[in-house]
Amino acid sequence: MSSKKTLLILAGGLGSRYKGLKQIDGILDNGSPILEYSIFDALEAGFQKVVIVVNRLIPQSYIERLNRISETKNFELHWVYQEMDSIPTSLQGFDYPDREKPWGTAHAVLCAKYSMQEPFVMINADDFYGKEAYQLAAHEINHHHISDLQLGMIAYPVGTTLSGNGAVARGICTLDPENYLIRVEEQTSIQKINNSIVYIKNGENIKLDPDTLVSMNFFIFHPHIFCYLEAYFYDFIESDPQPAQEFYIPSAVQRMIDENRVQVKVKASPSQWMGVTYADDKEEIKSFLISEIKNNRYPENLWS
């Protein structure tokens, strides 16, 4: 049993803490950034199509590189630019405020509306999710568990998602007994202090169990989500947002849950998550990928 599956990669962020264009920063000597490992894993899991949302800072040379790879490996590849004026037709004519940064992850997904007619997985370009995450997602799509009424999320234990170089933002998940998402609460100050994982709330350190599941922006969506995102973006614009305020995908998903429009089934990933929030995180993921290559999980040259 198989269904058409698309991987949507959000690569339009500016990466201010990383101080560089981390979306296309090669990790090893093979020059492949993390997003190419994600594509590699998705293709192995049976995905046939990749859509990448980017900003205008992405060099044409990198676009040409990945176009060549898609031709060689025979997968469908689409590029979508997230622009300040990339808005639904229904919102044309609004007087938009000046922006300091892109509109956010939910807007980035909305930009890809016309490139997607099938269930899709949405990920961050700079997160390494692991092979098993894509296998779990493919199973959910292939067995028709993803619909206009049910979405999916692959989540990770918070203890496996920290950085030794500073605090991180994570969406803390609250689940019902059947592992459906009740709430995802974004916390931006999660870190390890004195062997405890904590975040700051109202000036106090709140402890987290290391096995608490958190959202790493690995969602499994049905294309019907675009109807909701368009309506919610309209509301976001109507609210007169601040110049740096963003329209986030977890907030949109939470609203869909609160309005009883969808259920979100959460699966815990057995894969190791890795990311590069800070520039110094790169050495850690570099060592990790070297070990994965030694364990024959990846070829040394990813696309050889």
C-alpha atoms as a PDB file:
ATOM      1  CA  MET A   1       0.000   0.000   0.000  1.00  0.00           C
ATOM      2  CA  SER A   2       1.505   3.316  -1.048  1.00  0.00           C
ATOM      3  CA  SER A   3       0.328   6.878  -1.574  1.00  0.00           C
ATOM      4  CA  LYS A   4       1.980   9.902  -3.132  1.00  0.00           C
ATOM      5  CA  LYS A   5       3.962  11.692  -0.443  1.00  0.00           C
ATOM      6  CA  THR A   6       5.608  15.100  -0.440  1.00  0.00           C
ATOM      7  CA  LEU A   7       8.307  16.549   1.785  1.00  0.00           C
ATOM      8  CA  LEU A   8       7.913  20.280   2.470  1.00  0.00           C
ATOM      9  CA  ILE A   9      11.121  21.882   3.772  1.00  0.00           C
ATOM     10  CA  LEU A  10      10.982  25.311   5.398  1.00  0.00           C
ATOM     11  CA  ALA A  11      14.270  27.018   4.546  1.00  0.00           C
ATOM     12  CA  GLY A  12      13.258  30.662   4.518  1.00  0.00           C
ATOM     13  CA  GLY A  13      14.332  31.683   8.030  1.00  0.00           C
ATOM     14  CA  LEU A  14      17.179  34.128   8.591  1.00  0.00           C
ATOM     15  CA  GLY A  15      19.045  32.131  11.301  1.00  0.00           C
ATOM     16  CA  SER A  16      20.129  35.132  13.386  1.00  0.00           C
ATOM     17  CA  ARG A  17      21.578  33.079  16.267  1.00  0.00           C
ATOM     18  CA  TYR A  18      23.543  30.888  13.863  1.00  0.00           C
ATOM     19  CA  LYS A  19      25.020  33.985  12.198  1.00  0.00           C
ATOM     20  CA  GLY A  20      24.956  32.506   8.717  1.00  0.00           C
ATOM     21  CA  LEU A  21      22.812  30.866   6.052  1.00  0.00           C
ATOM     22  CA  LYS A  22      22.611  27.561   7.905  1.00  0.00           C
ATOM     23  CA  GLN A  23      19.975  26.102   5.556  1.00  0.00           C
ATOM     24  CA  ILE A  24      22.659  25.373   2.936  1.00  0.00           C
ATOM     25  CA  ASP A  25      25.762  25.152   5.130  1.00  0.00           C
ATOM     26  CA  GLY A  26      27.512  21.883   4.296  1.00  0.00           C
ATOM     27  CA  ILE A  27      28.289  19.746   7.341  1.00  0.00           C
ATOM     28  CA  LEU A  28      30.931  17.314   6.023  1.00  0.00           C
ATOM     29  CA  ASP A  29      33.396  17.429   3.142  1.00  0.00           C
ATOM     30  CA  ASN A  30      30.646  16.130   0.829  1.00  0.00           C
ATOM     31  CA  GLY A  31      29.080  19.604   0.996  1.00  0.00           C
ATOM     32  CA  SER A  32      25.596  18.348   1.868  1.00  0.00           C
ATOM     33  CA  PRO A  33      23.635  20.497   4.349  1.00  0.00           C
ATOM     34  CA  ILE A  34      21.184  18.917   6.768  1.00  0.00           C
ATOM     35  CA  LEU A  35      18.250  19.384   4.405  1.00  0.00           C
ATOM     36  CA  GLU A  36      19.872  16.982   1.928  1.00  0.00           C
ATOM     37  CA  TYR A  37      20.054  14.278   4.605  1.00  0.00           C
ATOM     38  CA  SER A  38      16.348  14.875   5.187  1.00  0.00           C
ATOM     39  CA  ILE A  39      15.654  14.478   1.468  1.00  0.00           C
ATOM     40  CA  PHE A  40      17.798  11.318   1.376  1.00  0.00           C
ATOM     41  CA  ASP A  41      15.868   9.783   4.295  1.00  0.00           C
ATOM     42  CA  ALA A  42      12.498  10.784   2.840  1.00  0.00           C
ATOM     43  CA  LEU A  43      13.308   9.252  -0.540  1.00  0.00           C
ATOM     44  CA  GLU A  44      14.313   6.014   1.176  1.00  0.00           C
ATOM     45  CA  ALA A  45      10.931   6.039   2.964  1.00  0.00           C
ATOM     46  CA  GLY A  46       9.071   6.347  -0.356  1.00  0.00           C
ATOM     47  CA  PHE A  47       8.545  10.078  -0.750  1.00  0.00           C
ATOM     48  CA  GLN A  48       8.561  11.145  -4.406  1.00  0.00           C
ATOM     49  CA  LYS A  49       8.303  14.928  -4.285  1.00  0.00           C
ATOM     50  CA  VAL A  50      10.157  17.729  -2.465  1.00  0.00           C
ATOM     51  CA  VAL A  51       9.021  21.349  -2.087  1.00  0.00           C
ATOM     52  CA  ILE A  52      11.460  23.827  -0.546  1.00  0.00           C
ATOM     53  CA  VAL A  53      10.380  27.239   0.750  1.00  0.00           C
ATOM     54  CA  VAL A  54      13.335  29.643   0.576  1.00  0.00           C
ATOM     55  CA  ASN A  55      14.207  33.328   0.756  1.00  0.00           C
ATOM     56  CA  ARG A  56      16.058  35.375  -1.857  1.00  0.00           C
ATOM     57  CA  LEU A  57      19.364  34.951  -0.011  1.00  0.00           C
ATOM     58  CA  ILE A  58      19.647  31.345  -1.227  1.00  0.00           C
ATOM     59  CA  PRO A  59      22.382  31.383  -3.923  1.00  0.00           C
ATOM     60  CA  GLN A  60      21.434  30.329  -7.422  1.00  0.00           C
ATOM     61  CA  SER A  61      24.423  27.975  -7.377  1.00  0.00           C
ATOM     62  CA  TYR A  62      22.814  25.933  -4.591  1.00  0.00           C
ATOM     63  CA  ILE A  63      19.464  25.822  -6.392  1.00  0.00           C
ATOM     64  CA  GLU A  64      21.267  24.504  -9.474  1.00  0.00           C
ATOM     65  CA  ARG A  65      23.109  21.913  -7.339  1.00  0.00           C
ATOM     66  CA  LEU A  66      19.895  20.480  -5.927  1.00  0.00           C
ATOM     67  CA  ASN A  67      18.166  20.626  -9.311  1.00  0.00           C
ATOM     68  CA  ARG A  68      20.949  18.408 -10.684  1.00  0.00           C
ATOM     69  CA  ILE A  69      20.542  16.002  -7.775  1.00  0.00           C
ATOM     70  CA  SER A  70      16.782  15.767  -8.353  1.00  0.00           C
ATOM     71  CA  GLU A  71      17.337  14.955 -12.010  1.00  0.00           C
ATOM     72  CA  THR A  72      19.931  12.304 -11.174  1.00  0.00           C
ATOM     73  CA  LYS A  73      17.883  10.710  -8.382  1.00  0.00           C
ATOM     74  CA  ASN A  74      14.579  11.110 -10.222  1.00  0.00           C
ATOM     75  CA  PHE A  75      12.466  12.956  -7.686  1.00  0.00           C
ATOM     76  CA  GLU A  76      10.164  15.916  -8.258  1.00  0.00           C
ATOM     77  CA  LEU A  77      11.559  19.202  -6.901  1.00  0.00           C
ATOM     78  CA  HIS A  78       9.828  22.569  -6.541  1.00  0.00           C
ATOM     79  CA  TRP A  79      11.174  25.881  -5.191  1.00  0.00           C
ATOM     80  CA  VAL A  80       8.859  28.397  -3.519  1.00  0.00           C
ATOM     81  CA  TYR A  81       9.955  31.858  -2.413  1.00  0.00           C
ATOM     82  CA  GLN A  82       8.598  33.222   0.856  1.00  0.00           C
ATOM     83  CA  GLU A  83       8.201  36.922   0.158  1.00  0.00           C
ATOM     84  CA  MET A  84       6.699  39.634   2.339  1.00  0.00           C
ATOM     85  CA  ASP A  85       3.989  40.038  -0.307  1.00  0.00           C
ATOM     86  CA  SER A  86       3.406  36.275  -0.760  1.00  0.00           C
ATOM     87  CA  ILE A  87      -0.203  36.356   0.386  1.00  0.00           C
ATOM     88  CA  PRO A  88      -3.453  34.662  -0.634  1.00  0.00           C
ATOM     89  CA  THR A  89      -5.497  36.350  -3.334  1.00  0.00           C
ATOM     90  CA  SER A  90      -8.273  36.918  -0.820  1.00  0.00           C
ATOM     91  CA  LEU A  91      -5.933  39.172   1.174  1.00  0.00           C
ATOM     92  CA  GLN A  92      -4.781  41.350  -1.713  1.00  0.00           C
ATOM     93  CA  GLY A  93      -5.334  45.011  -1.024  1.00  0.00           C
ATOM     94  CA  PHE A  94      -4.515  44.984   2.677  1.00  0.00           C
ATOM     95  CA  ASP A  95      -2.212  47.712   3.965  1.00  0.00           C
ATOM     96  CA  TYR A  96       0.610  45.603   5.389  1.00  0.00           C
ATOM     97  CA  PRO A  97       2.968  46.972   8.048  1.00  0.00           C
ATOM     98  CA  ASP A  98       6.695  47.175   7.458  1.00  0.00           C
ATOM     99  CA  ARG A  99       8.354  43.900   8.426  1.00  0.00           C
ATOM    100  CA  GLU A 100      11.668  43.205  10.135  1.00  0.00           C
ATOM    101  CA  LYS A 101      11.579  39.490   9.255  1.00  0.00           C
ATOM    102  CA  PRO A 102       9.411  36.957   7.341  1.00  0.00           C
ATOM    103  CA  TRP A 103       5.817  36.343   8.389  1.00  0.00           C
ATOM    104  CA  GLY A 104       6.649  33.020  10.108  1.00  0.00           C
ATOM    105  CA  THR A 105       6.384  29.275   9.593  1.00  0.00           C
ATOM    106  CA  ALA A 106       2.610  29.084   9.045  1.00  0.00           C
ATOM    107  CA  HIS A 107       2.928  31.729   6.335  1.00  0.00           C
ATOM    108  CA  ALA A 108       5.805  29.732   4.814  1.00  0.00           C
ATOM    109  CA  VAL A 109       3.551  26.665   4.563  1.00  0.00           C
ATOM    110  CA  LEU A 110       0.781  28.791   3.057  1.00  0.00           C
ATOM    111  CA  CYS A 111       3.207  30.010   0.380  1.00  0.00           C
ATOM    112  CA  ALA A 112       3.451  26.395  -0.842  1.00  0.00           C
ATOM    113  CA  LYS A 113      -0.312  26.027  -1.267  1.00  0.00           C
ATOM    114  CA  TYR A 114      -0.262  25.730  -5.057  1.00  0.00           C
ATOM    115  CA  SER A 115       2.573  23.184  -5.065  1.00  0.00           C
ATOM    116  CA  MET A 116       0.727  20.603  -2.989  1.00  0.00           C
ATOM    117  CA  GLN A 117      -2.338  18.475  -3.647  1.00  0.00           C
ATOM    118  CA  GLU A 118      -1.365  15.423  -1.572  1.00  0.00           C
ATOM    119  CA  PRO A 119      -0.529  14.616   2.074  1.00  0.00           C
ATOM    120  CA  PHE A 120       2.835  16.042   3.044  1.00  0.00           C
ATOM    121  CA  VAL A 121       5.398  16.149   5.801  1.00  0.00           C
ATOM    122  CA  MET A 122       6.566  19.589   6.928  1.00  0.00           C
ATOM    123  CA  ILE A 123      10.035  19.983   8.462  1.00  0.00           C
ATOM    124  CA  ASN A 124      12.635  22.629   9.271  1.00  0.00           C
ATOM    125  CA  ALA A 125      15.614  22.768   6.898  1.00  0.00           C
ATOM    126  CA  ASP A 126      18.137  22.967   9.736  1.00  0.00           C
ATOM    127  CA  ASP A 127      16.868  20.007  11.801  1.00  0.00           C
ATOM    128  CA  PHE A 128      18.089  16.425  11.413  1.00  0.00           C
ATOM    129  CA  TYR A 129      15.175  14.121  12.244  1.00  0.00           C
ATOM    130  CA  GLY A 130      16.529  10.635  11.458  1.00  0.00           C
ATOM    131  CA  LYS A 131      15.415   7.857   9.121  1.00  0.00           C
ATOM    132  CA  GLU A 132      12.800   6.349  11.397  1.00  0.00           C
ATOM    133  CA  ALA A 133      10.832   9.599  11.573  1.00  0.00           C
ATOM    134  CA  TYR A 134      10.188   9.510   7.827  1.00  0.00           C
ATOM    135  CA  GLN A 135       9.322   5.812   7.983  1.00  0.00           C
ATOM    136  CA  LEU A 136       6.715   6.539  10.660  1.00  0.00           C
ATOM    137  CA  ALA A 137       5.299   9.384   8.602  1.00  0.00           C
ATOM    138  CA  ALA A 138       5.186   7.275   5.435  1.00  0.00           C
ATOM    139  CA  HIS A 139       3.269   4.583   7.323  1.00  0.00           C
ATOM    140  CA  GLU A 140       0.678   7.112   8.472  1.00  0.00           C
ATOM    141  CA  ILE A 141       0.160   8.413   4.924  1.00  0.00           C
ATOM    142  CA  ASN A 142       0.240   5.012   3.217  1.00  0.00           C
ATOM    143  CA  HIS A 143      -2.400   3.631   5.587  1.00  0.00           C
ATOM    144  CA  HIS A 144      -4.639   6.671   5.032  1.00  0.00           C
ATOM    145  CA  HIS A 145      -4.451   7.835   8.632  1.00  0.00           C
ATOM    146  CA  ILE A 146      -3.931  11.415   7.422  1.00  0.00           C
ATOM    147  CA  SER A 147      -7.101  13.192   6.314  1.00  0.00           C
ATOM    148  CA  ASP A 148      -8.901  16.519   6.515  1.00  0.00           C
ATOM    149  CA  LEU A 149      -9.917  15.465  10.050  1.00  0.00           C
ATOM    150  CA  GLN A 150      -6.699  13.865  11.295  1.00  0.00           C
ATOM    151  CA  LEU A 151      -3.141  15.156  11.063  1.00  0.00           C
ATOM    152  CA  GLY A 152       0.064  13.763  12.530  1.00  0.00           C
ATOM    153  CA  MET A 153       3.148  14.832  14.432  1.00  0.00           C
ATOM    154  CA  ILE A 154       6.464  13.115  15.070  1.00  0.00           C
ATOM    155  CA  ALA A 155       7.713  14.277  18.478  1.00  0.00           C
ATOM    156  CA  TYR A 156      10.953  13.817  20.423  1.00  0.00           C
ATOM    157  CA  PRO A 157      11.886  13.507  24.117  1.00  0.00           C
ATOM    158  CA  VAL A 158      13.027  16.957  25.211  1.00  0.00           C
ATOM    159  CA  GLY A 159      16.188  15.527  26.773  1.00  0.00           C
ATOM    160  CA  THR A 160      17.440  14.537  23.319  1.00  0.00           C
ATOM    161  CA  THR A 161      16.862  17.954  21.753  1.00  0.00           C
ATOM    162  CA  LEU A 162      18.956  20.348  23.833  1.00  0.00           C
ATOM    163  CA  SER A 163      21.982  22.399  22.834  1.00  0.00           C
ATOM    164  CA  GLY A 164      25.070  22.748  24.992  1.00  0.00           C
ATOM    165  CA  ASN A 165      25.532  26.244  23.572  1.00  0.00           C
ATOM    166  CA  GLY A 166      22.453  28.014  24.878  1.00  0.00           C
ATOM    167  CA  ALA A 167      18.704  27.911  25.464  1.00  0.00           C
ATOM    168  CA  VAL A 168      16.370  26.499  22.801  1.00  0.00           C
ATOM    169  CA  ALA A 169      12.719  26.929  21.859  1.00  0.00           C
ATOM    170  CA  ARG A 170      10.551  23.809  21.944  1.00  0.00           C
ATOM    171  CA  GLY A 171       6.842  23.093  21.779  1.00  0.00           C
ATOM    172  CA  ILE A 172       5.946  21.119  24.915  1.00  0.00           C
ATOM    173  CA  CYS A 173       3.230  18.557  24.102  1.00  0.00           C
ATOM    174  CA  THR A 174       0.306  17.554  26.291  1.00  0.00           C
ATOM    175  CA  LEU A 175      -1.373  14.358  25.077  1.00  0.00           C
ATOM    176  CA  ASP A 176      -4.565  12.486  25.875  1.00  0.00           C
ATOM    177  CA  PRO A 177      -4.468   8.751  26.772  1.00  0.00           C
ATOM    178  CA  GLU A 178      -4.636   7.785  23.084  1.00  0.00           C
ATOM    179  CA  ASN A 179      -1.678  10.037  22.165  1.00  0.00           C
ATOM    180  CA  TYR A 180      -3.719  12.716  20.486  1.00  0.00           C
ATOM    181  CA  LEU A 181      -2.405  16.221  20.954  1.00  0.00           C
ATOM    182  CA  ILE A 182      -4.292  18.369  23.463  1.00  0.00           C
ATOM    183  CA  ARG A 183      -1.907  21.291  23.572  1.00  0.00           C
ATOM    184  CA  VAL A 184       1.496  22.349  22.293  1.00  0.00           C
ATOM    185  CA  GLU A 185       2.990  25.148  24.354  1.00  0.00           C
ATOM    186  CA  GLU A 186       5.982  26.998  22.948  1.00  0.00           C
ATOM    187  CA  GLN A 187       8.738  27.701  25.467  1.00  0.00           C
ATOM    188  CA  THR A 188      11.770  29.672  24.315  1.00  0.00           C
ATOM    189  CA  SER A 189      14.153  29.245  27.251  1.00  0.00           C
ATOM    190  CA  ILE A 190      14.630  25.481  27.642  1.00  0.00           C
ATOM    191  CA  GLN A 191      18.096  24.446  28.800  1.00  0.00           C
ATOM    192  CA  LYS A 192      19.971  22.137  31.135  1.00  0.00           C
ATOM    193  CA  ILE A 193      20.988  23.653  34.489  1.00  0.00           C
ATOM    194  CA  ASN A 194      22.661  21.561  37.211  1.00  0.00           C
ATOM    195  CA  ASN A 195      21.558  18.247  35.626  1.00  0.00           C
ATOM    196  CA  SER A 196      17.934  19.432  35.392  1.00  0.00           C
ATOM    197  CA  ILE A 197      16.032  20.507  32.286  1.00  0.00           C
ATOM    198  CA  VAL A 198      14.211  23.757  32.964  1.00  0.00           C
ATOM    199  CA  TYR A 199      12.475  26.663  31.310  1.00  0.00           C
ATOM    200  CA  ILE A 200      11.623  30.066  32.737  1.00  0.00           C
ATOM    201  CA  LYS A 201       7.998  30.982  33.345  1.00  0.00           C
ATOM    202  CA  ASN A 202       6.942  34.082  35.304  1.00  0.00           C
ATOM    203  CA  GLY A 203      10.504  34.449  36.527  1.00  0.00           C
ATOM    204  CA  GLU A 204      10.712  30.900  37.916  1.00  0.00           C
ATOM    205  CA  ASN A 205      12.566  27.802  36.688  1.00  0.00           C
ATOM    206  CA  ILE A 206      10.068  25.078  35.757  1.00  0.00           C
ATOM    207  CA  LYS A 207      11.503  21.548  35.596  1.00  0.00           C
ATOM    208  CA  LEU A 208      10.809  19.197  32.708  1.00  0.00           C
ATOM    209  CA  ASP A 209      11.078  15.413  32.679  1.00  0.00           C
ATOM    210  CA  PRO A 210      13.671  14.419  30.035  1.00  0.00           C
ATOM    211  CA  ASP A 211      11.066  12.125  28.399  1.00  0.00           C
ATOM    212  CA  THR A 212       8.534  14.921  27.910  1.00  0.00           C
ATOM    213  CA  LEU A 213       7.649  14.950  24.217  1.00  0.00           C
ATOM    214  CA  VAL A 214       8.247  18.178  22.328  1.00  0.00           C
ATOM    215  CA  SER A 215       7.360  19.329  18.861  1.00  0.00           C
ATOM    216  CA  MET A 216      10.320  19.863  16.548  1.00  0.00           C
ATOM    217  CA  ASN A 217       8.114  21.081  13.673  1.00  0.00           C
ATOM    218  CA  PHE A 218       7.757  17.634  12.093  1.00  0.00           C
ATOM    219  CA  PHE A 219       4.104  17.592  11.086  1.00  0.00           C
ATOM    220  CA  ILE A 220       2.153  15.328   8.745  1.00  0.00           C
ATOM    221  CA  PHE A 221      -0.483  17.432   7.001  1.00  0.00           C
ATOM    222  CA  HIS A 222      -3.393  16.971   4.629  1.00  0.00           C
ATOM    223  CA  PRO A 223      -3.730  19.668   1.921  1.00  0.00           C
ATOM    224  CA  HIS A 224      -7.060  20.717   3.440  1.00  0.00           C
ATOM    225  CA  ILE A 225      -4.958  22.569   6.035  1.00  0.00           C
ATOM    226  CA  PHE A 226      -4.471  25.402   3.544  1.00  0.00           C
ATOM    227  CA  CYS A 227      -8.119  26.433   3.989  1.00  0.00           C
ATOM    228  CA  TYR A 228      -7.505  26.983   7.696  1.00  0.00           C
ATOM    229  CA  LEU A 229      -4.128  28.652   7.246  1.00  0.00           C
ATOM    230  CA  GLU A 230      -5.586  31.165   4.832  1.00  0.00           C
ATOM    231  CA  ALA A 231      -8.395  32.067   7.242  1.00  0.00           C
ATOM    232  CA  TYR A 232      -6.024  32.254  10.211  1.00  0.00           C
ATOM    233  CA  PHE A 233      -3.547  34.412   8.331  1.00  0.00           C
ATOM    234  CA  TYR A 234      -6.415  36.786   7.546  1.00  0.00           C
ATOM    235  CA  ASP A 235      -7.124  36.995  11.286  1.00  0.00           C
ATOM    236  CA  PHE A 236      -3.426  37.478  12.018  1.00  0.00           C
ATOM    237  CA  ILE A 237      -3.240  40.453   9.635  1.00  0.00           C
ATOM    238  CA  GLU A 238      -6.481  41.894  11.022  1.00  0.00           C
ATOM    239  CA  SER A 239      -4.956  41.814  14.531  1.00  0.00           C
ATOM    240  CA  ASP A 240      -2.440  44.509  13.491  1.00  0.00           C
ATOM    241  CA  PRO A 241       0.687  42.466  14.383  1.00  0.00           C
ATOM    242  CA  GLN A 242       3.905  44.057  15.591  1.00  0.00           C
ATOM    243  CA  PRO A 243       6.741  44.358  12.998  1.00  0.00           C
ATOM    244  CA  ALA A 244       8.578  41.324  14.416  1.00  0.00           C
ATOM    245  CA  GLN A 245       5.496  39.238  15.304  1.00  0.00           C
ATOM    246  CA  GLU A 246       5.173  35.958  13.394  1.00  0.00           C
ATOM    247  CA  PHE A 247       2.412  33.574  12.331  1.00  0.00           C
ATOM    248  CA  TYR A 248       3.617  30.193  13.630  1.00  0.00           C
ATOM    249  CA  ILE A 249       2.521  26.738  12.479  1.00  0.00           C
ATOM    250  CA  PRO A 250       2.186  25.309  16.038  1.00  0.00           C
ATOM    251  CA  SER A 251      -0.202  28.164  16.913  1.00  0.00           C
ATOM    252  CA  ALA A 252      -2.278  27.432  13.815  1.00  0.00           C
ATOM    253  CA  VAL A 253      -2.397  23.707  14.639  1.00  0.00           C
ATOM    254  CA  GLN A 254      -3.400  24.509  18.215  1.00  0.00           C
ATOM    255  CA  ARG A 255      -6.248  26.672  16.992  1.00  0.00           C
ATOM    256  CA  MET A 256      -7.487  23.872  14.717  1.00  0.00           C
ATOM    257  CA  ILE A 257      -7.494  21.519  17.723  1.00  0.00           C
ATOM    258  CA  ASP A 258      -9.240  24.056  19.961  1.00  0.00           C
ATOM    259  CA  GLU A 259     -11.934  24.580  17.315  1.00  0.00           C
ATOM    260  CA  ASN A 260     -12.429  20.777  17.012  1.00  0.00           C
ATOM    261  CA  ARG A 261     -11.539  20.894  13.343  1.00  0.00           C
ATOM    262  CA  VAL A 262      -8.815  18.235  13.491  1.00  0.00           C
ATOM    263  CA  GLN A 263      -7.161  15.675  15.714  1.00  0.00           C
ATOM    264  CA  VAL A 264      -3.379  15.349  15.720  1.00  0.00           C
ATOM    265  CA  LYS A 265      -1.972  11.891  16.374  1.00  0.00           C
ATOM    266  CA  VAL A 266       1.476  12.071  17.993  1.00  0.00           C
ATOM    267  CA  LYS A 267       4.129   9.409  17.419  1.00  0.00           C
ATOM    268  CA  ALA A 268       7.338   9.368  19.457  1.00  0.00           C
ATOM    269  CA  SER A 269      10.360   9.074  17.176  1.00  0.00           C
ATOM    270  CA  PRO A 270      13.074   6.532  18.014  1.00  0.00           C
ATOM    271  CA  SER A 271      15.507   8.549  15.896  1.00  0.00           C
ATOM    272  CA  GLN A 272      18.166  10.858  17.256  1.00  0.00           C
ATOM    273  CA  TRP A 273      17.272  14.493  16.616  1.00  0.00           C
ATOM    274  CA  MET A 274      20.105  16.919  15.862  1.00  0.00           C
ATOM    275  CA  GLY A 275      20.039  20.614  15.054  1.00  0.00           C
ATOM    276  CA  VAL A 276      22.142  23.713  14.577  1.00  0.00           C
ATOM    277  CA  THR A 277      20.533  26.509  16.539  1.00  0.00           C
ATOM    278  CA  TYR A 278      23.969  27.981  17.248  1.00  0.00           C
ATOM    279  CA  ALA A 279      27.133  27.993  15.130  1.00  0.00           C
ATOM    280  CA  ASP A 280      28.949  25.871  17.716  1.00  0.00           C
ATOM    281  CA  ASP A 281      26.315  23.125  17.331  1.00  0.00           C
ATOM    282  CA  LYS A 282      27.812  22.288  13.950  1.00  0.00           C
ATOM    283  CA  GLU A 283      30.727  20.294  15.419  1.00  0.00           C
ATOM    284  CA  GLU A 284      28.363  18.045  17.345  1.00  0.00           C
ATOM    285  CA  ILE A 285      26.258  17.159  14.330  1.00  0.00           C
ATOM    286  CA  LYS A 286      29.406  16.720  12.257  1.00  0.00           C
ATOM    287  CA  SER A 287      30.673  14.059  14.696  1.00  0.00           C
ATOM    288  CA  PHE A 288      27.240  12.447  14.727  1.00  0.00           C
ATOM    289  CA  LEU A 289      27.078  12.159  10.929  1.00  0.00           C
ATOM    290  CA  ILE A 290      30.591  10.733  10.780  1.00  0.00           C
ATOM    291  CA  SER A 291      29.475   7.995  13.176  1.00  0.00           C
ATOM    292  CA  GLU A 292      26.346   7.364  11.100  1.00  0.00           C
ATOM    293  CA  ILE A 293      28.491   6.925   8.002  1.00  0.00           C
ATOM    294  CA  LYS A 294      30.772   4.488   9.855  1.00  0.00           C
ATOM    295  CA  ASN A 295      27.654   2.534  10.858  1.00  0.00           C
ATOM    296  CA  ASN A 296      26.632   2.363   7.161  1.00  0.00           C
ATOM    297  CA  ARG A 297      23.529   4.467   7.722  1.00  0.00           C
ATOM    298  CA  TYR A 298      24.636   6.919   5.010  1.00  0.00           C
ATOM    299  CA  PRO A 299      27.146   6.815   2.167  1.00  0.00           C
ATOM    300  CA  GLU A 300      30.172   9.064   2.618  1.00  0.00           C
ATOM    301  CA  ASN A 301      29.147  11.003  -0.462  1.00  0.00           C
ATOM    302  CA  LEU A 302      25.415  11.295   0.025  1.00  0.00           C
ATOM    303  CA  TRP A 303      24.476  11.301  -3.655  1.00  0.00           C
ATOM    304  CA  SER A 304      27.144   9.025  -5.136  1.00  0.00           C
END
